[in-house]
Amino acid sequence: GQKNKGEFMKKMVIILLIVLLAGVLLAVTGFVIAYNQVGNIEEKSASFDYYSGDNLTVDCTTSDVYVTVGEESGKVKFKYYENNNIKTTVEKSGNDISLIVDKKSNFFIWNAFLKRTAVEVTLPKNFSGNMTPKTNTGKLDLNAGGADIRKLEAVISTGDMDLKSVAVSDSATIKSSTGKITVNGLTVTNGLTVTGTTEDISLTSVTVG
């Protein structure tokens, strides 16, 4: 009886060691894949000629989005990052300029890695079209002093939104599911809609009409 019990315990110890080793190998494999996909991030840039009335759309998944106004007119400039897990489509079609970030889901890639990227947009001083910046999980920072935005639709899901010195000649829609909205300096002519958690909305120097 004691002999059989001892052999059983040995088998259990061996099984537990095998399971533990498999877990360690799985974790190491995950970190290697994460390093290869995230560690090889490549910085890229693009720019398009801008004409009065051209519209801008930025649609991301987990990237931070920063929009500012540059010193020159006639160009929209982008800086963004790519690797095997991040693909970005930047194009101009007619009057529509867009940057779309697509991040493939991967069992081994954690949000902490995915959120290491950012999209930077530099507007021309003569910007005068519709603007639609969106990100699901990330920060949206719009500092648009000097730009004349026709219609604005700014949307985030779980990140924070910070709007500064924004002038909208038509209507503005600002949406957040669970993130914080901070507005400091916003002028809207034809209506403002703000949707989010009440305690996480801060509006300062806002003029409507």
Protein backbone atom coordinates (compact mmCIF):
# COMPACT_ATOMS: atom_id res chain seq x y z
CA GLY A 1 0.00 0.00 0.00
CA GLN A 2 2.74 2.46 0.97
CA LYS A 3 4.72 1.54 -2.18
CA ASN A 4 1.75 2.16 -4.46
CA LYS A 5 1.02 5.42 -2.66
CA GLY A 6 4.62 6.53 -3.11
CA GLU A 7 4.58 5.73 -6.83
CA PHE A 8 1.31 7.63 -7.24
CA MET A 9 2.79 10.69 -5.55
CA LYS A 10 5.83 10.54 -7.82
CA LYS A 11 3.59 10.40 -10.88
CA MET A 12 1.58 13.39 -9.61
CA VAL A 13 4.76 15.38 -9.02
CA ILE A 14 5.98 14.58 -12.55
CA ILE A 15 2.63 15.60 -14.04
CA LEU A 16 2.64 18.87 -12.09
CA LEU A 17 6.21 19.62 -13.22
CA ILE A 18 5.23 18.98 -16.86
CA VAL A 19 2.21 21.29 -16.53
CA LEU A 20 4.38 23.96 -14.89
CA LEU A 21 7.03 23.67 -17.60
CA ALA A 22 4.38 23.93 -20.32
CA GLY A 23 3.05 27.10 -18.67
CA VAL A 24 6.52 28.65 -18.54
CA LEU A 25 7.17 27.79 -22.19
CA LEU A 26 3.83 29.30 -23.18
CA ALA A 27 4.62 32.52 -21.29
CA VAL A 28 8.10 32.76 -22.83
CA THR A 29 6.64 32.19 -26.30
CA GLY A 30 4.11 34.94 -25.67
CA PHE A 31 6.79 37.42 -24.64
CA VAL A 32 8.93 36.53 -27.67
CA ILE A 33 6.01 37.07 -30.03
CA ALA A 34 5.08 40.31 -28.28
CA TYR A 35 8.65 41.57 -28.51
CA ASN A 36 8.97 40.68 -32.18
CA GLN A 37 5.67 42.31 -33.12
CA VAL A 38 5.82 45.34 -30.86
CA GLY A 39 9.55 45.84 -30.57
CA ASN A 40 9.97 46.33 -34.30
CA ILE A 41 7.74 49.40 -34.52
CA GLU A 42 8.60 51.59 -37.49
CA GLU A 43 7.85 55.31 -37.61
CA LYS A 44 6.19 56.46 -40.83
CA SER A 45 4.88 59.73 -42.21
CA ALA A 46 2.57 60.96 -44.97
CA SER A 47 1.24 64.27 -46.23
CA PHE A 48 -1.40 65.48 -48.64
CA ASP A 49 -2.11 68.77 -50.37
CA TYR A 50 -4.99 70.49 -48.63
CA TYR A 51 -7.64 72.56 -50.38
CA SER A 52 -10.41 74.58 -48.77
CA GLY A 53 -13.30 72.32 -47.81
CA ASP A 54 -11.31 69.06 -47.64
CA ASN A 55 -12.48 66.81 -44.77
CA LEU A 56 -10.42 64.78 -42.30
CA THR A 57 -11.14 61.39 -40.68
CA VAL A 58 -8.84 59.66 -38.18
CA ASP A 59 -10.10 56.28 -36.97
CA CYS A 60 -7.96 54.19 -34.58
CA THR A 61 -8.35 51.22 -32.27
CA THR A 62 -5.89 51.63 -29.39
CA SER A 63 -3.68 54.49 -30.59
CA ASP A 64 -3.43 57.89 -28.95
CA VAL A 65 -4.42 60.66 -31.37
CA TYR A 66 -2.87 64.14 -31.25
CA VAL A 67 -4.18 66.86 -33.60
CA THR A 68 -2.52 70.28 -33.81
CA VAL A 69 -2.35 73.19 -36.27
CA GLY A 70 0.96 73.82 -38.01
CA GLU A 71 2.66 76.99 -39.18
CA GLU A 72 2.01 76.52 -42.89
CA SER A 73 -1.01 76.27 -45.17
CA GLY A 74 -1.88 73.74 -47.85
CA LYS A 75 -0.64 70.49 -46.24
CA VAL A 76 -2.08 67.88 -43.88
CA LYS A 77 0.73 65.89 -42.27
CA PHE A 78 0.63 62.55 -40.47
CA LYS A 79 3.12 60.69 -38.29
CA TYR A 80 2.24 57.16 -37.25
CA TYR A 81 3.74 53.77 -36.40
CA GLU A 82 3.51 50.30 -37.93
CA ASN A 83 4.69 46.76 -37.29
CA ASN A 84 3.41 43.25 -38.07
CA ASN A 85 0.43 43.84 -35.78
CA ILE A 86 -0.43 47.39 -36.86
CA LYS A 87 -1.52 48.34 -40.37
CA THR A 88 -2.38 51.91 -41.32
CA THR A 89 -4.23 53.13 -44.39
CA VAL A 90 -3.58 56.79 -45.25
CA GLU A 91 -5.22 58.20 -48.35
CA LYS A 92 -6.98 61.09 -50.04
CA SER A 93 -10.06 60.41 -52.16
CA GLY A 94 -11.74 63.46 -53.62
CA ASN A 95 -12.26 65.91 -50.77
CA ASP A 96 -11.77 63.28 -48.06
CA ILE A 97 -8.45 62.72 -46.29
CA SER A 98 -8.31 59.72 -43.94
CA LEU A 99 -6.02 57.73 -41.69
CA ILE A 100 -7.36 54.36 -40.53
CA VAL A 101 -5.38 52.23 -38.06
CA ASP A 102 -6.13 48.50 -37.95
CA LYS A 103 -4.57 46.43 -35.18
CA LYS A 104 -4.90 42.67 -35.45
CA SER A 105 -5.98 40.89 -32.29
CA ASN A 106 -3.45 38.40 -30.94
CA PHE A 107 -3.72 36.13 -27.91
CA PHE A 108 -0.19 36.99 -26.83
CA ILE A 109 -0.37 40.76 -27.29
CA TRP A 110 -1.59 42.71 -24.29
CA ASN A 111 -3.16 46.19 -24.34
CA ALA A 112 -0.09 47.51 -22.56
CA PHE A 113 1.89 46.79 -25.72
CA LEU A 114 -0.78 47.92 -28.17
CA LYS A 115 -1.16 51.34 -26.52
CA ARG A 116 2.50 52.22 -27.09
CA THR A 117 1.66 53.77 -30.47
CA ALA A 118 0.35 57.21 -31.35
CA VAL A 119 -0.94 59.09 -34.37
CA GLU A 120 0.08 62.72 -34.81
CA VAL A 121 -1.86 64.93 -37.22
CA THR A 122 -0.72 68.42 -38.18
CA LEU A 123 -3.42 70.54 -39.80
CA PRO A 124 -2.72 73.42 -42.17
CA LYS A 125 -3.61 76.93 -41.00
CA ASN A 126 -6.27 77.08 -43.72
CA PHE A 127 -8.15 73.95 -42.59
CA SER A 128 -11.87 74.52 -43.20
CA GLY A 129 -13.60 71.13 -43.52
CA ASN A 130 -15.37 68.50 -41.45
CA MET A 131 -13.31 66.65 -38.86
CA THR A 132 -13.97 63.18 -37.43
CA PRO A 133 -11.30 61.95 -34.97
CA LYS A 134 -12.08 58.60 -33.31
CA THR A 135 -10.22 56.16 -31.07
CA ASN A 136 -11.55 53.21 -29.08
CA THR A 137 -8.98 52.85 -26.31
CA GLY A 138 -6.56 55.74 -26.21
CA LYS A 139 -6.19 59.46 -25.68
CA LEU A 140 -7.69 62.02 -28.08
CA ASP A 141 -6.01 65.42 -27.88
CA LEU A 142 -7.33 68.13 -30.22
CA ASN A 143 -5.64 71.53 -30.06
CA ALA A 144 -7.02 73.31 -33.12
CA GLY A 145 -6.37 76.99 -32.53
CA GLY A 146 -6.52 78.78 -35.89
CA ALA A 147 -8.40 76.07 -37.79
CA ASP A 148 -11.97 76.64 -38.99
CA ILE A 149 -13.70 73.29 -38.50
CA ARG A 150 -17.04 73.04 -40.30
CA LYS A 151 -18.51 70.02 -38.46
CA LEU A 152 -16.83 68.11 -35.64
CA GLU A 153 -17.53 64.58 -34.46
CA ALA A 154 -15.04 63.51 -31.80
CA VAL A 155 -15.53 59.99 -30.38
CA ILE A 156 -13.71 57.85 -27.81
CA SER A 157 -14.76 54.70 -25.94
CA THR A 158 -12.56 54.20 -22.87
CA GLY A 159 -9.86 56.85 -23.27
CA ASP A 160 -9.65 60.51 -22.30
CA MET A 161 -10.53 63.39 -24.62
CA ASP A 162 -8.95 66.84 -24.35
CA LEU A 163 -10.19 69.64 -26.63
CA LYS A 164 -8.54 73.07 -26.64
CA SER A 165 -9.12 76.22 -28.71
CA VAL A 166 -11.63 74.63 -31.10
CA ALA A 167 -13.83 76.73 -33.41
CA VAL A 168 -16.69 74.98 -35.25
CA SER A 169 -18.69 76.93 -37.82
CA ASP A 170 -21.55 74.40 -37.90
CA SER A 171 -22.31 71.68 -35.32
CA ALA A 172 -20.19 69.63 -32.90
CA THR A 173 -20.75 66.16 -31.43
CA ILE A 174 -18.52 64.92 -28.61
CA LYS A 175 -18.99 61.34 -27.37
CA SER A 176 -17.37 59.17 -24.73
CA SER A 177 -18.50 55.84 -23.28
CA THR A 178 -16.41 55.60 -20.09
CA GLY A 179 -13.61 58.11 -20.62
CA LYS A 180 -13.12 61.65 -19.36
CA ILE A 181 -14.00 64.68 -21.51
CA THR A 182 -12.17 67.97 -20.90
CA VAL A 183 -12.98 71.01 -23.05
CA ASN A 184 -11.18 74.31 -22.61
CA GLY A 185 -12.16 76.79 -25.30
CA LEU A 186 -14.88 75.74 -27.74
CA THR A 187 -17.04 77.88 -30.02
CA VAL A 188 -19.91 76.22 -31.90
CA THR A 189 -22.38 77.98 -34.20
CA ASN A 190 -25.20 75.50 -34.84
CA GLY A 191 -25.51 73.18 -31.85
CA LEU A 192 -23.39 71.15 -29.46
CA THR A 193 -24.04 67.57 -28.31
CA VAL A 194 -21.92 66.10 -25.51
CA THR A 195 -22.47 62.47 -24.45
CA GLY A 196 -20.61 60.80 -21.60
CA THR A 197 -20.51 60.12 -17.87
CA THR A 198 -21.64 63.34 -16.18
CA GLU A 199 -18.97 63.44 -13.46
CA ASP A 200 -16.27 63.00 -16.09
CA ILE A 201 -17.25 65.98 -18.26
CA SER A 202 -15.52 69.33 -17.76
CA LEU A 203 -16.54 72.24 -20.01
CA THR A 204 -14.72 75.57 -19.76
CA SER A 205 -15.05 78.64 -22.02
CA VAL A 206 -17.71 77.06 -24.25
CA THR A 207 -19.88 79.25 -26.50
CA VAL A 208 -22.82 77.93 -28.54
CA GLY A 209 -24.75 79.99 -31.08
